[in-house]
């Protein structure tokens, strides 16, 4: 039991696998950004990528408070897929197939 949350070993392993696997597209983008030689440009690109992804993915405020076009973009961001998958697993539910497909699209896109 961690922080008064109880998971079975199977649930914990599956959640760990999901969080590591779902983080791969974000890690690949970060790896590509790290190859930029100029340090200032590297910081600009990382901020230009990270903050919009965090904002439209629903991590800072709910997607239903955003305009329709931002909701559509947010549902297809890799950060949203990672977040929703983790939430569903912690609630004891299964991950939706569309989340896994979306993750594979991002993974093979990069």
N, C-alpha and C. Protein backbone atom coordinates (compact mmCIF):
# COMPACT_ATOMS: atom_id res chain seq x y z
N UNK A 1 0.85 -1.16 0.00
CA UNK A 1 0.00 0.00 0.00
C UNK A 1 0.90 1.24 0.00
N UNK A 2 0.70 2.12 -0.98
CA UNK A 2 1.46 3.35 -1.10
C UNK A 2 0.48 4.51 -1.08
N UNK A 3 0.65 5.45 -0.16
CA UNK A 3 -0.24 6.60 -0.02
C UNK A 3 -1.70 6.17 0.10
N UNK A 4 -1.93 5.11 0.82
CA UNK A 4 -3.27 4.57 1.08
C UNK A 4 -3.98 4.14 -0.21
N UNK A 5 -3.21 3.76 -1.22
CA UNK A 5 -3.76 3.22 -2.47
C UNK A 5 -3.28 1.79 -2.58
N UNK A 6 -4.19 0.89 -2.79
CA UNK A 6 -3.85 -0.53 -2.84
C UNK A 6 -4.08 -1.08 -4.24
N UNK A 7 -3.02 -1.57 -4.87
CA UNK A 7 -3.09 -2.22 -6.17
C UNK A 7 -2.57 -3.65 -6.01
N UNK A 8 -3.13 -4.54 -6.80
CA UNK A 8 -2.56 -5.89 -6.83
C UNK A 8 -1.25 -5.82 -7.61
N UNK A 9 -0.44 -6.85 -7.49
CA UNK A 9 0.83 -6.89 -8.20
C UNK A 9 0.60 -6.84 -9.71
N UNK A 10 -0.42 -7.53 -10.18
CA UNK A 10 -0.74 -7.52 -11.61
C UNK A 10 -1.11 -6.13 -12.09
N UNK A 11 -1.95 -5.43 -11.32
CA UNK A 11 -2.34 -4.06 -11.70
C UNK A 11 -1.14 -3.12 -11.69
N UNK A 12 -0.28 -3.28 -10.70
CA UNK A 12 0.90 -2.43 -10.60
C UNK A 12 1.84 -2.65 -11.78
N UNK A 13 2.08 -3.90 -12.15
CA UNK A 13 2.97 -4.21 -13.27
C UNK A 13 2.37 -3.70 -14.58
N UNK A 14 1.07 -3.88 -14.77
CA UNK A 14 0.43 -3.42 -15.99
C UNK A 14 0.48 -1.89 -16.07
N UNK A 15 0.26 -1.21 -14.94
CA UNK A 15 0.31 0.25 -14.94
C UNK A 15 1.73 0.74 -15.21
N UNK A 16 2.72 0.09 -14.63
CA UNK A 16 4.11 0.45 -14.88
C UNK A 16 4.46 0.26 -16.35
N UNK A 17 4.04 -0.86 -16.93
CA UNK A 17 4.28 -1.11 -18.35
C UNK A 17 3.61 -0.04 -19.21
N UNK A 18 2.36 0.30 -18.88
CA UNK A 18 1.64 1.30 -19.66
C UNK A 18 2.35 2.66 -19.60
N UNK A 19 2.73 3.08 -18.41
CA UNK A 19 3.35 4.40 -18.27
C UNK A 19 4.70 4.47 -18.97
N UNK A 20 5.47 3.40 -18.93
CA UNK A 20 6.75 3.38 -19.65
C UNK A 20 6.54 3.35 -21.15
N UNK A 21 5.62 2.51 -21.61
CA UNK A 21 5.36 2.38 -23.05
C UNK A 21 4.74 3.65 -23.61
N UNK A 22 3.80 4.25 -22.90
CA UNK A 22 3.11 5.45 -23.38
C UNK A 22 4.02 6.67 -23.35
N UNK A 23 5.10 6.62 -22.59
CA UNK A 23 6.03 7.75 -22.54
C UNK A 23 7.04 7.73 -23.68
N UNK A 24 7.12 6.63 -24.43
CA UNK A 24 8.11 6.53 -25.50
C UNK A 24 7.99 7.61 -26.57
N UNK A 25 6.79 7.93 -27.10
CA UNK A 25 6.74 9.00 -28.11
C UNK A 25 7.26 10.34 -27.59
N UNK A 26 6.94 10.65 -26.35
CA UNK A 26 7.41 11.91 -25.77
C UNK A 26 8.93 11.87 -25.60
N UNK A 27 9.46 10.73 -25.20
CA UNK A 27 10.90 10.58 -25.04
C UNK A 27 11.62 10.68 -26.38
N UNK A 28 11.02 10.14 -27.44
CA UNK A 28 11.64 10.23 -28.77
C UNK A 28 11.69 11.66 -29.27
N UNK A 29 10.64 12.42 -29.03
CA UNK A 29 10.64 13.83 -29.41
C UNK A 29 11.70 14.58 -28.61
N UNK A 30 11.81 14.28 -27.34
CA UNK A 30 12.83 14.92 -26.50
C UNK A 30 14.23 14.57 -26.99
N UNK A 31 14.41 13.34 -27.43
CA UNK A 31 15.71 12.94 -27.96
C UNK A 31 16.05 13.71 -29.23
N UNK A 32 15.06 13.90 -30.11
CA UNK A 32 15.30 14.67 -31.33
C UNK A 32 15.63 16.12 -31.00
N UNK A 33 14.95 16.69 -30.02
CA UNK A 33 15.23 18.08 -29.62
C UNK A 33 16.63 18.18 -29.02
N UNK A 34 17.07 17.17 -28.31
CA UNK A 34 18.39 17.23 -27.68
C UNK A 34 19.53 17.21 -28.70
N UNK A 35 19.24 16.83 -29.93
CA UNK A 35 20.27 16.80 -30.98
C UNK A 35 20.51 18.16 -31.62
N UNK A 36 19.73 19.16 -31.25
CA UNK A 36 19.95 20.51 -31.77
C UNK A 36 21.22 21.05 -31.13
N UNK A 37 22.12 21.56 -31.96
CA UNK A 37 23.44 21.93 -31.44
C UNK A 37 23.42 23.22 -30.62
N UNK A 38 22.64 24.19 -31.01
CA UNK A 38 22.61 25.47 -30.29
C UNK A 38 21.73 25.35 -29.05
N UNK A 39 22.29 25.68 -27.89
CA UNK A 39 21.57 25.52 -26.62
C UNK A 39 20.32 26.40 -26.55
N UNK A 40 20.41 27.62 -27.04
CA UNK A 40 19.25 28.51 -27.02
C UNK A 40 18.11 27.99 -27.89
N UNK A 41 18.46 27.51 -29.08
CA UNK A 41 17.43 26.93 -29.96
C UNK A 41 16.80 25.69 -29.34
N UNK A 42 17.63 24.91 -28.65
CA UNK A 42 17.13 23.69 -28.00
C UNK A 42 16.08 24.05 -26.94
N UNK A 43 16.34 25.07 -26.16
CA UNK A 43 15.39 25.50 -25.14
C UNK A 43 14.10 26.02 -25.76
N UNK A 44 14.23 26.79 -26.84
CA UNK A 44 13.04 27.33 -27.51
C UNK A 44 12.18 26.20 -28.06
N UNK A 45 12.80 25.24 -28.74
CA UNK A 45 12.02 24.13 -29.31
C UNK A 45 11.36 23.29 -28.23
N UNK A 46 12.07 23.06 -27.13
CA UNK A 46 11.46 22.24 -26.08
C UNK A 46 10.28 22.96 -25.44
N UNK A 47 10.39 24.27 -25.24
CA UNK A 47 9.26 25.02 -24.69
C UNK A 47 8.11 25.13 -25.68
N UNK A 48 8.43 25.30 -26.96
CA UNK A 48 7.38 25.38 -27.97
C UNK A 48 6.63 24.06 -28.13
N UNK A 49 7.26 22.98 -27.79
CA UNK A 49 6.60 21.68 -27.89
C UNK A 49 5.92 21.28 -26.59
N UNK A 50 6.61 21.45 -25.47
CA UNK A 50 6.09 20.93 -24.20
C UNK A 50 4.85 21.68 -23.73
N UNK A 51 4.91 22.98 -23.68
CA UNK A 51 3.79 23.72 -23.11
C UNK A 51 2.49 23.57 -23.90
N UNK A 52 2.51 23.66 -25.23
CA UNK A 52 1.24 23.43 -25.95
C UNK A 52 0.69 22.02 -25.75
N UNK A 53 1.56 21.02 -25.72
CA UNK A 53 1.08 19.65 -25.49
C UNK A 53 0.46 19.50 -24.11
N UNK A 54 1.05 20.11 -23.12
CA UNK A 54 0.51 20.02 -21.76
C UNK A 54 -0.81 20.76 -21.66
N UNK A 55 -0.88 21.93 -22.30
CA UNK A 55 -2.10 22.74 -22.22
C UNK A 55 -3.26 22.05 -22.91
N UNK A 56 -3.07 21.57 -24.15
CA UNK A 56 -4.20 21.00 -24.89
C UNK A 56 -4.51 19.57 -24.48
N UNK A 57 -3.68 18.94 -23.66
CA UNK A 57 -3.95 17.56 -23.27
C UNK A 57 -4.87 17.45 -22.06
N UNK A 58 -5.18 18.56 -21.42
CA UNK A 58 -6.08 18.52 -20.29
C UNK A 58 -5.40 18.31 -18.95
N UNK A 59 -4.08 18.48 -18.89
CA UNK A 59 -3.39 18.31 -17.61
C UNK A 59 -3.58 19.52 -16.70
N UNK A 60 -3.66 20.72 -17.27
CA UNK A 60 -3.78 21.92 -16.45
C UNK A 60 -5.22 22.33 -16.20
N UNK A 61 -6.10 22.14 -17.18
CA UNK A 61 -7.52 22.36 -16.97
C UNK A 61 -8.28 21.41 -17.88
N UNK A 62 -9.53 21.11 -17.54
CA UNK A 62 -10.28 20.08 -18.28
C UNK A 62 -10.50 20.45 -19.75
N UNK A 63 -10.52 19.42 -20.58
CA UNK A 63 -10.73 19.64 -22.01
C UNK A 63 -12.11 20.22 -22.31
N UNK A 64 -13.10 19.92 -21.49
CA UNK A 64 -14.44 20.41 -21.78
C UNK A 64 -14.58 21.92 -21.58
N UNK A 65 -13.57 22.57 -21.03
CA UNK A 65 -13.57 24.03 -20.89
C UNK A 65 -12.85 24.71 -22.04
N UNK A 66 -12.36 23.94 -22.99
CA UNK A 66 -11.62 24.48 -24.13
C UNK A 66 -12.52 24.57 -25.35
N UNK A 67 -12.13 25.39 -26.33
CA UNK A 67 -12.88 25.43 -27.59
C UNK A 67 -12.85 24.06 -28.28
N UNK A 68 -13.80 23.85 -29.17
CA UNK A 68 -13.96 22.54 -29.83
C UNK A 68 -12.69 22.12 -30.56
N UNK A 69 -12.06 23.03 -31.32
CA UNK A 69 -10.88 22.63 -32.10
C UNK A 69 -9.72 22.25 -31.18
N UNK A 70 -9.60 22.87 -30.01
CA UNK A 70 -8.54 22.48 -29.08
C UNK A 70 -8.84 21.14 -28.42
N UNK A 71 -10.11 20.85 -28.20
CA UNK A 71 -10.47 19.53 -27.66
C UNK A 71 -10.07 18.44 -28.64
N UNK A 72 -10.33 18.67 -29.92
CA UNK A 72 -10.01 17.67 -30.94
C UNK A 72 -8.50 17.44 -30.98
N UNK A 73 -7.73 18.52 -30.93
CA UNK A 73 -6.27 18.39 -30.92
C UNK A 73 -5.83 17.69 -29.64
N UNK A 74 -6.43 18.05 -28.51
CA UNK A 74 -6.05 17.46 -27.23
C UNK A 74 -6.29 15.97 -27.15
N UNK A 75 -7.37 15.49 -27.76
CA UNK A 75 -7.67 14.06 -27.72
C UNK A 75 -6.65 13.24 -28.50
N UNK A 76 -5.91 13.85 -29.39
CA UNK A 76 -4.93 13.12 -30.18
C UNK A 76 -3.50 13.39 -29.75
N UNK A 77 -3.31 14.11 -28.66
CA UNK A 77 -1.94 14.36 -28.20
C UNK A 77 -1.44 13.16 -27.39
N UNK A 78 -0.15 12.87 -27.45
CA UNK A 78 0.36 11.72 -26.70
C UNK A 78 0.27 11.91 -25.19
N UNK A 79 0.31 13.14 -24.72
CA UNK A 79 0.21 13.39 -23.28
C UNK A 79 -1.20 13.04 -22.78
N UNK A 80 -2.22 13.34 -23.57
CA UNK A 80 -3.60 13.00 -23.21
C UNK A 80 -3.76 11.48 -23.12
N UNK A 81 -3.22 10.77 -24.09
CA UNK A 81 -3.32 9.31 -24.10
C UNK A 81 -2.64 8.72 -22.87
N UNK A 82 -1.47 9.24 -22.53
CA UNK A 82 -0.75 8.78 -21.34
C UNK A 82 -1.57 9.04 -20.08
N UNK A 83 -2.13 10.24 -19.98
CA UNK A 83 -2.90 10.64 -18.81
C UNK A 83 -4.18 9.80 -18.67
N UNK A 84 -4.95 9.69 -19.73
CA UNK A 84 -6.23 8.96 -19.67
C UNK A 84 -5.99 7.48 -19.41
N UNK A 85 -4.98 6.91 -20.04
CA UNK A 85 -4.68 5.50 -19.79
C UNK A 85 -4.31 5.24 -18.34
N UNK A 86 -3.48 6.12 -17.77
CA UNK A 86 -3.12 5.98 -16.35
C UNK A 86 -4.30 6.15 -15.43
N UNK A 87 -5.19 7.11 -15.75
CA UNK A 87 -6.38 7.31 -14.93
C UNK A 87 -7.30 6.10 -14.98
N UNK A 88 -7.50 5.55 -16.18
CA UNK A 88 -8.38 4.39 -16.31
C UNK A 88 -7.80 3.18 -15.57
N UNK A 89 -6.49 2.99 -15.66
CA UNK A 89 -5.88 1.87 -14.95
C UNK A 89 -5.98 2.04 -13.44
N UNK A 90 -5.80 3.25 -12.95
CA UNK A 90 -5.90 3.46 -11.51
C UNK A 90 -7.33 3.32 -11.00
N UNK A 91 -8.31 3.50 -11.88
CA UNK A 91 -9.72 3.31 -11.51
C UNK A 91 -10.15 1.85 -11.66
N UNK A 92 -9.24 0.98 -12.11
CA UNK A 92 -9.56 -0.43 -12.27
C UNK A 92 -10.25 -0.75 -13.59
N UNK A 93 -10.21 0.16 -14.55
CA UNK A 93 -10.84 -0.05 -15.85
C UNK A 93 -9.79 -0.44 -16.88
N UNK A 94 -10.24 -0.88 -18.03
CA UNK A 94 -9.34 -1.22 -19.13
C UNK A 94 -9.05 0.01 -19.96
N UNK A 95 -7.91 -0.01 -20.63
CA UNK A 95 -7.54 1.08 -21.52
C UNK A 95 -8.32 0.91 -22.82
N UNK A 96 -8.83 2.02 -23.34
CA UNK A 96 -9.57 1.97 -24.60
C UNK A 96 -8.62 1.66 -25.75
N UNK A 97 -9.13 0.93 -26.73
CA UNK A 97 -8.34 0.56 -27.90
C UNK A 97 -7.88 1.80 -28.67
N UNK A 98 -8.72 2.84 -28.73
CA UNK A 98 -8.36 4.05 -29.45
C UNK A 98 -7.12 4.70 -28.84
N UNK A 99 -6.94 4.58 -27.54
CA UNK A 99 -5.75 5.12 -26.89
C UNK A 99 -4.50 4.37 -27.35
N UNK A 100 -4.60 3.07 -27.45
CA UNK A 100 -3.45 2.27 -27.88
C UNK A 100 -3.13 2.55 -29.34
N UNK A 101 -4.16 2.65 -30.19
CA UNK A 101 -3.95 2.97 -31.60
C UNK A 101 -3.31 4.35 -31.74
N UNK A 102 -3.82 5.31 -31.00
CA UNK A 102 -3.27 6.66 -31.03
C UNK A 102 -1.80 6.65 -30.62
N UNK A 103 -1.47 5.89 -29.62
CA UNK A 103 -0.09 5.80 -29.15
C UNK A 103 0.81 5.19 -30.22
N UNK A 104 0.34 4.14 -30.90
CA UNK A 104 1.14 3.53 -31.97
C UNK A 104 1.35 4.51 -33.12
N UNK A 105 0.34 5.30 -33.44
CA UNK A 105 0.48 6.29 -34.50
C UNK A 105 1.57 7.29 -34.13
N UNK A 106 1.54 7.79 -32.90
CA UNK A 106 2.58 8.72 -32.47
C UNK A 106 3.95 8.05 -32.44
N UNK A 107 3.99 6.81 -31.99
CA UNK A 107 5.28 6.11 -31.90
C UNK A 107 5.91 5.93 -33.27
N UNK A 108 5.11 5.51 -34.25
CA UNK A 108 5.67 5.27 -35.58
C UNK A 108 5.81 6.55 -36.39
N UNK A 109 5.11 7.60 -35.99
CA UNK A 109 5.27 8.89 -36.65
C UNK A 109 6.65 9.46 -36.38
N UNK A 110 7.13 9.27 -35.15
CA UNK A 110 8.45 9.79 -34.81
C UNK A 110 9.48 8.73 -35.04
